[in-house]
Amino acid sequence: MDLTDVKKEFWGDLQYDLFTANTAVYLANQSLEDLIRTDGRKAHKPIMSHPDTGTYSPYNDISFERKKAQKQTLEVNTFEYAAEEIDITDKNQTPYDLLSHSLNSIRKGLMNRVEQKFLSEIVNAGQSISNPPVTVASNNILDILEEAEGKLGAFDAPYETSMRAIVLGPRTVAKLRRTKSDRETGLGDSVLANGVVGPWHGWTVVQNNNLPWSATLTVATNPSDGDTVTIAGIVFEFQDDLADVATGNVGVLRHSSTVATSRANLAHAINGTGTAGTNYTELTPRQSFIIRRKRNLAATSAENMAFTGFGDISVSETFTSGNNFWTAQEQQAVFMVRGAIDMVLQFMDVKVGDKEKGFAELPKGIIGLGTKTFSDGADLMVRLRQDVSSF
């Protein structure tokens, strides 16, 4: 989409920036950055053995164990980037500072990906609650809290509230505000820019809308014309002719007889692959931002389509066939000691170049990222698998 629509007359303020301050920096151990901040790719950490204790018998020999170590490694192996092109005509014929907006969006978008990469480490927690996933409600949250405290207590994890954090999505934080007896708790009403809500039952509650999410959409029967799938408020509509798609919906080309092709077109629309205008209708800037950038959604095209993303994502469908439905909607939350996950940020760089042939500015940004849950950190995390089908 070009910028023709903002050149015509007079326009109001730009849309709100939906990115939030980064929680990963608050939660992570970043001490390894001093080793590989600007040079190098890997940082090693030795995990040392501990000697057993024994009962000494006078005049008898004691046994000695060899000191052992296991090398574990954090590697800066993820390089996220973002880039745009701003033609001189757009820059001078719109009332907005396009370059400033682009640079700010690039920086926040990169940090959003950093947070998602960091929180993906939750799956490496040494302990977990709920298998299968549990629905968190006001009448069971204290039981879950008690179980998490017991699991961390078994490893003598620090007890200070400033060190212990519960990282939950906005919907779950709302449930924390009510106890088993359905009364308001002492949890404050405010949320700081970095998501910190405040102390609660010996924990610091951190609200984060980038927690890993997954779900399965089974599409065993070819969708009918007009069938829809809604993800994070964006409606995807199957149609034989993309010209017939309802205004505001994302059209997905329905193959007349082959369900596999219809599924593939839905996956293309989610992933931004295939050909817009042929496999699906082009997403609006807002739809693309929510689906591909903010929520970082991805989908496979198998009969049981595996969806992944980040945040409090709600889904629904209006399939004609009962063979097509959502299942396994799950979100990962965590009880952790701050610093249990290591993170290194390296060479974050945002700059503006000039187009070699033409008249345009080329803002671009890149960041190097490494995350690692070392084995001692895994012992200080308890993963909470949440059933979020009620979202």
Protein backbone atom coordinates (compact mmCIF):
# COMPACT_ATOMS: atom_id res chain seq x y z
CA MET A 1 0.00 0.00 0.00
CA ASP A 2 1.41 3.42 -0.94
CA LEU A 3 0.79 6.77 0.82
CA THR A 4 -1.66 8.24 -1.68
CA ASP A 5 -4.49 8.34 0.85
CA VAL A 6 -2.67 10.71 3.23
CA LYS A 7 -1.88 13.30 0.56
CA LYS A 8 -5.38 14.42 -0.33
CA GLU A 9 -6.52 16.91 2.29
CA PHE A 10 -6.18 17.34 6.07
CA TRP A 11 -5.67 14.53 8.55
CA GLY A 12 -5.60 14.11 12.31
CA ASP A 13 -2.97 12.57 14.57
CA LEU A 14 -1.25 9.32 13.68
CA GLN A 15 -2.57 6.07 15.14
CA TYR A 16 -1.54 4.95 18.62
CA ASP A 17 1.66 2.97 18.87
CA LEU A 18 0.57 -0.43 20.18
CA PHE A 19 4.02 -1.58 21.25
CA THR A 20 4.78 -1.66 24.97
CA ALA A 21 8.04 -1.32 26.91
CA ASN A 22 10.14 -4.46 27.01
CA THR A 23 9.68 -6.88 29.93
CA ALA A 24 12.60 -9.12 28.96
CA VAL A 25 15.16 -6.56 30.14
CA TYR A 26 13.50 -6.55 33.58
CA LEU A 27 13.44 -10.35 33.85
CA ALA A 28 16.68 -11.42 32.20
CA ASN A 29 20.19 -12.01 33.42
CA GLN A 30 22.30 -9.86 31.08
CA SER A 31 25.66 -10.31 32.80
CA LEU A 32 27.08 -12.19 29.80
CA GLU A 33 26.75 -9.07 27.66
CA ASP A 34 30.02 -7.86 29.16
CA LEU A 35 31.75 -10.84 27.53
CA ILE A 36 30.34 -10.55 24.02
CA ARG A 37 28.80 -7.09 23.83
CA THR A 38 30.58 -6.06 20.65
CA ASP A 39 32.90 -8.94 19.83
CA GLY A 40 32.41 -12.66 19.65
CA ARG A 41 29.48 -14.97 19.17
CA LYS A 42 29.40 -17.39 22.10
CA ALA A 43 29.59 -17.22 25.88
CA HIS A 44 30.23 -20.38 27.88
CA LYS A 45 29.13 -21.15 31.40
CA PRO A 46 30.46 -24.08 33.44
CA ILE A 47 27.95 -26.04 35.45
CA MET A 48 30.03 -27.43 38.32
CA SER A 49 29.47 -30.61 40.27
CA HIS A 50 28.93 -30.56 44.04
CA PRO A 51 30.60 -33.10 46.35
CA ASP A 52 28.49 -35.49 48.35
CA THR A 53 28.68 -35.38 52.12
CA GLY A 54 29.45 -38.43 54.19
CA THR A 55 29.76 -39.55 57.79
CA TYR A 56 33.30 -39.75 59.02
CA SER A 57 34.49 -42.79 60.99
CA PRO A 58 37.57 -42.12 63.13
CA TYR A 59 40.83 -43.59 61.78
CA ASN A 60 39.23 -44.53 58.49
CA ASP A 61 39.93 -43.06 55.10
CA ILE A 62 37.57 -40.66 53.46
CA SER A 63 36.66 -40.80 49.76
CA PHE A 64 37.34 -38.03 47.27
CA GLU A 65 35.32 -37.24 44.18
CA ARG A 66 36.66 -35.68 41.04
CA LYS A 67 35.44 -32.19 40.35
CA LYS A 68 33.37 -32.22 37.17
CA ALA A 69 31.99 -29.50 34.94
CA GLN A 70 29.58 -29.39 32.04
CA LYS A 71 30.01 -26.64 29.48
CA GLN A 72 26.80 -24.90 28.43
CA THR A 73 26.73 -22.19 25.79
CA LEU A 74 24.75 -19.11 24.90
CA GLU A 75 25.10 -18.13 21.27
CA VAL A 76 24.13 -14.88 19.60
CA ASN A 77 22.49 -16.55 16.61
CA THR A 78 19.33 -14.57 15.96
CA PHE A 79 19.50 -11.40 13.88
CA GLU A 80 16.25 -9.51 13.57
CA TYR A 81 15.92 -6.60 11.14
CA ALA A 82 13.32 -4.14 9.89
CA ALA A 83 13.54 -1.74 6.94
CA GLU A 84 11.36 0.67 4.99
CA GLU A 85 11.63 2.95 1.98
CA ILE A 86 10.41 6.57 2.09
CA ASP A 87 10.35 8.26 -1.29
CA ILE A 88 11.06 11.99 -1.39
CA THR A 89 7.62 12.66 -2.86
CA ASP A 90 5.90 10.92 0.06
CA LYS A 91 8.16 12.67 2.55
CA ASN A 92 7.34 16.14 1.22
CA GLN A 93 3.66 15.68 0.40
CA THR A 94 2.45 14.33 3.73
CA PRO A 95 2.04 16.36 6.92
CA TYR A 96 3.86 13.77 9.07
CA ASP A 97 7.48 13.13 9.93
CA LEU A 98 7.62 9.79 8.16
CA LEU A 99 11.29 9.18 8.87
CA SER A 100 10.90 9.72 12.60
CA HIS A 101 7.86 7.43 12.66
CA SER A 102 9.74 4.75 10.76
CA LEU A 103 12.82 4.84 12.98
CA ASN A 104 10.72 4.69 16.15
CA SER A 105 8.67 1.80 14.79
CA ILE A 106 11.79 -0.10 13.73
CA ARG A 107 13.32 0.22 17.19
CA LYS A 108 10.18 -0.88 19.01
CA GLY A 109 9.50 -3.66 16.55
CA LEU A 110 12.97 -5.11 17.08
CA MET A 111 12.56 -5.02 20.85
CA ASN A 112 9.16 -6.69 20.48
CA ARG A 113 10.87 -9.60 18.69
CA VAL A 114 13.53 -9.67 21.42
CA GLU A 115 10.84 -10.10 24.04
CA GLN A 116 9.16 -12.90 22.09
CA LYS A 117 12.46 -14.74 21.66
CA PHE A 118 13.20 -14.33 25.37
CA LEU A 119 9.79 -15.59 26.50
CA SER A 120 10.03 -18.58 24.17
CA GLU A 121 12.56 -19.89 26.71
CA ILE A 122 9.69 -20.60 29.11
CA VAL A 123 9.35 -24.06 27.56
CA ASN A 124 12.79 -24.90 28.97
CA ALA A 125 11.64 -24.50 32.57
CA GLY A 126 12.82 -27.36 34.74
CA GLN A 127 9.38 -27.79 36.31
CA SER A 128 5.82 -27.39 35.14
CA ILE A 129 2.26 -27.17 36.39
CA SER A 130 -0.68 -28.73 34.64
CA ASN A 131 -0.51 -31.52 32.14
CA PRO A 132 -2.91 -31.26 30.39
CA PRO A 133 -3.20 -27.43 30.47
CA VAL A 134 -5.40 -25.86 33.13
CA THR A 135 -7.91 -23.05 32.89
CA VAL A 136 -6.83 -20.37 35.36
CA ALA A 137 -9.74 -18.90 37.30
CA SER A 138 -10.27 -16.86 40.46
CA ASN A 139 -11.16 -20.04 42.38
CA ASN A 140 -7.95 -21.94 41.58
CA ILE A 141 -5.22 -19.33 41.19
CA LEU A 142 -4.13 -19.64 44.83
CA ASP A 143 -3.84 -23.42 44.45
CA ILE A 144 -1.63 -22.90 41.40
CA LEU A 145 0.44 -20.38 43.33
CA GLU A 146 0.89 -22.86 46.18
CA GLU A 147 2.06 -25.56 43.77
CA ALA A 148 4.57 -23.21 42.14
CA GLU A 149 5.94 -22.15 45.51
CA GLY A 150 6.38 -25.79 46.48
CA LYS A 151 8.26 -26.64 43.30
CA LEU A 152 10.61 -23.66 43.61
CA GLY A 153 11.00 -24.28 47.35
CA ALA A 154 12.33 -27.74 46.59
CA PHE A 155 15.34 -26.02 44.99
CA ASP A 156 15.69 -23.39 47.73
CA ALA A 157 14.92 -20.58 45.30
CA PRO A 158 15.22 -17.05 46.75
CA TYR A 159 12.15 -15.88 48.61
CA GLU A 160 12.48 -12.13 48.15
CA THR A 161 9.48 -10.67 46.35
CA SER A 162 11.80 -8.47 44.29
CA MET A 163 13.44 -11.60 42.87
CA ARG A 164 10.34 -13.75 42.30
CA ALA A 165 8.13 -12.91 39.34
CA ILE A 166 4.90 -14.29 37.92
CA VAL A 167 4.67 -13.47 34.22
CA LEU A 168 1.06 -13.60 33.02
CA GLY A 169 -1.07 -12.26 30.20
CA PRO A 170 -3.50 -9.35 30.70
CA ARG A 171 -6.57 -11.60 30.92
CA THR A 172 -4.98 -13.75 33.62
CA VAL A 173 -3.78 -10.72 35.58
CA ALA A 174 -7.39 -9.55 35.63
CA LYS A 175 -8.32 -12.85 37.30
CA LEU A 176 -5.64 -12.34 39.93
CA ARG A 177 -7.54 -9.32 41.16
CA ARG A 178 -10.15 -11.66 42.56
CA THR A 179 -9.50 -14.25 45.24
CA LYS A 180 -11.21 -17.61 45.81
CA SER A 181 -13.97 -15.84 47.70
CA ASP A 182 -14.47 -13.51 44.71
CA ARG A 183 -13.26 -10.47 46.60
CA GLU A 184 -10.90 -7.84 45.25
CA THR A 185 -7.27 -8.52 46.21
CA GLY A 186 -4.65 -6.04 47.29
CA LEU A 187 -3.15 -6.05 43.80
CA GLY A 188 -2.88 -2.47 42.58
CA ASP A 189 -4.86 -1.01 39.71
CA SER A 190 -1.85 0.43 37.91
CA VAL A 191 0.56 -1.23 35.51
CA LEU A 192 3.98 0.32 34.92
CA ALA A 193 5.32 0.82 31.41
CA ASN A 194 7.41 -2.35 31.64
CA GLY A 195 4.41 -4.44 32.72
CA VAL A 196 5.20 -4.62 36.44
CA VAL A 197 1.91 -4.63 38.33
CA GLY A 198 3.18 -4.95 41.88
CA PRO A 199 3.68 -7.40 44.76
CA TRP A 200 1.13 -10.12 45.39
CA HIS A 201 1.46 -12.98 47.90
CA GLY A 202 5.25 -12.70 47.90
CA TRP A 203 5.61 -12.39 44.13
CA THR A 204 6.05 -9.50 41.72
CA VAL A 205 3.31 -9.75 39.14
CA VAL A 206 4.44 -8.90 35.60
CA GLN A 207 1.80 -8.40 32.93
CA ASN A 208 3.03 -9.31 29.47
CA ASN A 209 1.14 -9.66 26.19
CA ASN A 210 3.91 -11.56 24.40
CA LEU A 211 3.62 -14.96 26.08
CA PRO A 212 3.92 -17.93 23.69
CA TRP A 213 0.56 -19.11 22.34
CA SER A 214 -0.40 -22.09 20.19
CA ALA A 215 -3.54 -23.72 18.82
CA THR A 216 -4.67 -26.27 16.26
CA LEU A 217 -7.23 -25.56 13.55
CA THR A 218 -8.50 -28.78 12.03
CA VAL A 219 -9.75 -28.25 8.47
CA ALA A 220 -10.71 -31.72 7.25
CA THR A 221 -13.55 -30.67 4.94
CA ASN A 222 -13.33 -28.02 2.26
CA PRO A 223 -14.77 -24.74 3.61
CA SER A 224 -17.97 -23.36 2.13
CA ASP A 225 -18.24 -19.93 0.55
CA GLY A 226 -18.49 -17.39 3.35
CA ASP A 227 -16.98 -19.59 6.09
CA THR A 228 -14.75 -17.52 8.37
CA VAL A 229 -11.85 -17.93 10.76
CA THR A 230 -11.22 -15.12 13.25
CA ILE A 231 -7.79 -14.67 14.84
CA ALA A 232 -6.94 -11.80 17.19
CA GLY A 233 -9.96 -9.90 15.87
CA ILE A 234 -9.01 -10.28 12.19
CA VAL A 235 -11.60 -12.14 10.09
CA PHE A 236 -10.39 -14.43 7.28
CA GLU A 237 -13.18 -15.29 4.86
CA PHE A 238 -13.14 -18.16 2.34
CA GLN A 239 -14.60 -17.31 -1.07
CA ASP A 240 -14.53 -18.77 -4.60
CA ASP A 241 -14.14 -15.21 -5.87
CA LEU A 242 -12.05 -12.79 -3.80
CA ALA A 243 -14.17 -9.92 -5.13
CA ASP A 244 -17.08 -11.22 -3.03
CA VAL A 245 -15.30 -10.93 0.33
CA ALA A 246 -17.10 -8.75 2.88
CA THR A 247 -15.62 -5.31 3.51
CA GLY A 248 -13.07 -5.39 6.31
CA ASN A 249 -12.37 -9.13 6.02
CA VAL A 250 -9.25 -10.77 4.62
CA GLY A 251 -10.28 -12.88 1.65
CA VAL A 252 -8.91 -16.42 1.32
CA LEU A 253 -9.36 -18.13 -2.04
CA ARG A 254 -11.38 -21.29 -1.63
CA HIS A 255 -10.48 -24.05 -4.05
CA SER A 256 -13.60 -25.49 -5.62
CA SER A 257 -12.82 -29.06 -4.60
CA THR A 258 -9.43 -29.42 -2.92
CA VAL A 259 -9.37 -28.72 0.79
CA ALA A 260 -5.55 -28.84 0.90
CA THR A 261 -5.34 -25.86 -1.45
CA SER A 262 -7.89 -23.90 0.59
CA ARG A 263 -5.89 -24.59 3.75
CA ALA A 264 -2.66 -23.58 2.03
CA ASN A 265 -4.21 -20.26 0.99
CA LEU A 266 -5.19 -19.55 4.60
CA ALA A 267 -1.63 -20.34 5.70
CA HIS A 268 -0.31 -18.01 2.98
CA ALA A 269 -2.52 -15.19 4.26
CA ILE A 270 -1.25 -15.69 7.82
CA ASN A 271 2.42 -16.12 6.92
CA GLY A 272 2.60 -13.47 4.21
CA THR A 273 3.68 -16.04 1.63
CA GLY A 274 2.07 -16.99 -1.68
CA THR A 275 0.67 -14.19 -3.84
CA ALA A 276 -1.53 -11.45 -2.42
CA GLY A 277 -4.43 -10.83 -4.79
CA THR A 278 -4.34 -14.44 -5.98
CA ASN A 279 -4.22 -16.70 -2.92
CA TYR A 280 -5.72 -14.09 -0.59
CA THR A 281 -6.53 -10.38 -0.49
CA GLU A 282 -3.85 -7.96 0.67
CA LEU A 283 -4.00 -7.27 4.39
CA THR A 284 -4.45 -3.66 5.49
CA PRO A 285 -1.53 -2.06 7.38
CA ARG A 286 -3.38 -2.60 10.68
CA GLN A 287 -4.19 -6.25 9.91
CA SER A 288 -0.60 -6.94 8.85
CA PHE A 289 0.72 -5.24 11.99
CA ILE A 290 -1.46 -7.31 14.32
CA ILE A 291 -1.08 -10.68 12.59
CA ARG A 292 2.48 -10.69 11.30
CA ARG A 293 4.40 -8.15 13.35
CA LYS A 294 2.87 -7.70 16.78
CA ARG A 295 1.50 -11.22 17.32
CA ASN A 296 4.08 -12.88 14.99
CA LEU A 297 1.57 -15.54 13.95
CA ALA A 298 2.56 -18.51 11.83
CA ALA A 299 0.56 -21.45 10.50
CA THR A 300 1.18 -24.77 8.79
CA SER A 301 -1.05 -26.10 6.02
CA ALA A 302 -1.53 -29.65 7.30
CA GLU A 303 -5.05 -30.96 7.97
CA ASN A 304 -4.44 -30.13 11.64
CA MET A 305 -3.09 -26.64 11.04
CA ALA A 306 -0.58 -25.76 13.78
CA PHE A 307 -0.77 -22.09 14.75
CA THR A 308 1.81 -20.30 16.88
CA GLY A 309 2.06 -16.73 18.05
CA PHE A 310 2.51 -14.50 21.07
CA GLY A 311 0.01 -12.84 23.39
CA ASP A 312 -3.58 -13.12 24.58
CA ILE A 313 -4.93 -14.39 21.27
CA SER A 314 -8.58 -15.30 20.86
CA VAL A 315 -9.87 -17.39 17.96
CA SER A 316 -13.22 -18.52 16.58
CA GLU A 317 -14.73 -19.95 13.38
CA THR A 318 -18.01 -20.18 11.48
CA PHE A 319 -17.40 -23.32 9.44
CA THR A 320 -20.43 -24.99 7.90
CA SER A 321 -18.87 -28.42 8.41
CA GLY A 322 -18.50 -29.84 11.89
CA ASN A 323 -15.23 -31.45 10.76
CA ASN A 324 -13.51 -28.07 10.96
CA PHE A 325 -12.80 -26.64 14.42
CA TRP A 326 -10.27 -25.13 16.85
CA THR A 327 -8.59 -27.22 19.57
CA ALA A 328 -5.53 -27.18 21.87
CA GLN A 329 -5.54 -23.44 22.56
CA GLU A 330 -2.65 -22.99 24.98
CA GLN A 331 -0.56 -20.18 26.42
CA GLN A 332 2.70 -20.51 28.36
CA ALA A 333 3.08 -18.49 31.58
CA VAL A 334 5.85 -18.74 34.14
CA PHE A 335 6.73 -18.47 37.81
CA MET A 336 10.42 -17.58 37.91
CA VAL A 337 13.31 -16.05 39.75
CA ARG A 338 14.52 -13.00 37.87
CA GLY A 339 17.69 -13.88 36.01
CA ALA A 340 16.73 -17.51 35.42
CA ILE A 341 16.96 -16.86 31.66
CA ASP A 342 20.15 -15.36 30.24
CA MET A 343 19.98 -12.87 27.39
CA VAL A 344 22.58 -11.00 25.35
CA LEU A 345 21.72 -8.07 23.07
CA GLN A 346 24.42 -7.23 20.58
CA PHE A 347 24.99 -4.45 18.02
CA MET A 348 21.51 -2.92 17.89
CA ASP A 349 21.90 -0.43 15.06
CA VAL A 350 19.34 1.87 13.45
CA LYS A 351 20.46 4.02 10.55
CA VAL A 352 19.23 5.81 7.43
CA GLY A 353 20.71 5.27 3.97
CA ASP A 354 20.07 6.88 0.61
CA LYS A 355 18.66 5.01 -2.34
CA GLU A 356 21.37 4.63 -4.96
CA LYS A 357 19.07 5.08 -7.92
CA GLY A 358 16.18 7.34 -7.13
CA PHE A 359 15.25 9.81 -4.42
CA ALA A 360 14.39 7.98 -1.23
CA GLU A 361 15.54 7.51 2.36
CA LEU A 362 16.07 3.94 3.56
CA PRO A 363 15.65 3.61 7.35
CA LYS A 364 16.76 0.22 8.63
CA GLY A 365 17.60 -1.49 11.89
CA ILE A 366 19.16 -4.73 13.09
CA ILE A 367 19.84 -6.39 16.44
CA GLY A 368 21.81 -9.48 17.41
CA LEU A 369 20.22 -11.64 20.09
CA GLY A 370 21.09 -14.69 22.12
CA THR A 371 18.97 -16.33 24.82
CA LYS A 372 19.68 -19.38 26.94
CA THR A 373 18.17 -21.19 29.89
CA PHE A 374 21.17 -22.72 31.60
CA SER A 375 20.45 -25.80 33.72
CA ASP A 376 20.77 -23.89 37.00
CA GLY A 377 18.30 -21.31 35.68
CA ALA A 378 15.85 -24.02 34.60
CA ASP A 379 15.59 -25.09 38.25
CA LEU A 380 14.35 -21.59 39.08
CA MET A 381 11.40 -21.63 36.66
CA VAL A 382 8.00 -23.29 36.80
CA ARG A 383 6.04 -23.30 33.55
CA LEU A 384 2.28 -22.85 33.72
CA ARG A 385 0.47 -24.34 30.75
CA GLN A 386 -2.83 -22.51 30.42
CA ASP A 387 -5.93 -23.64 28.56
CA VAL A 388 -7.00 -20.41 26.88
CA SER A 389 -9.95 -21.67 24.86
CA SER A 390 -12.13 -19.24 26.82
CA PHE A 391 -10.21 -16.18 25.54
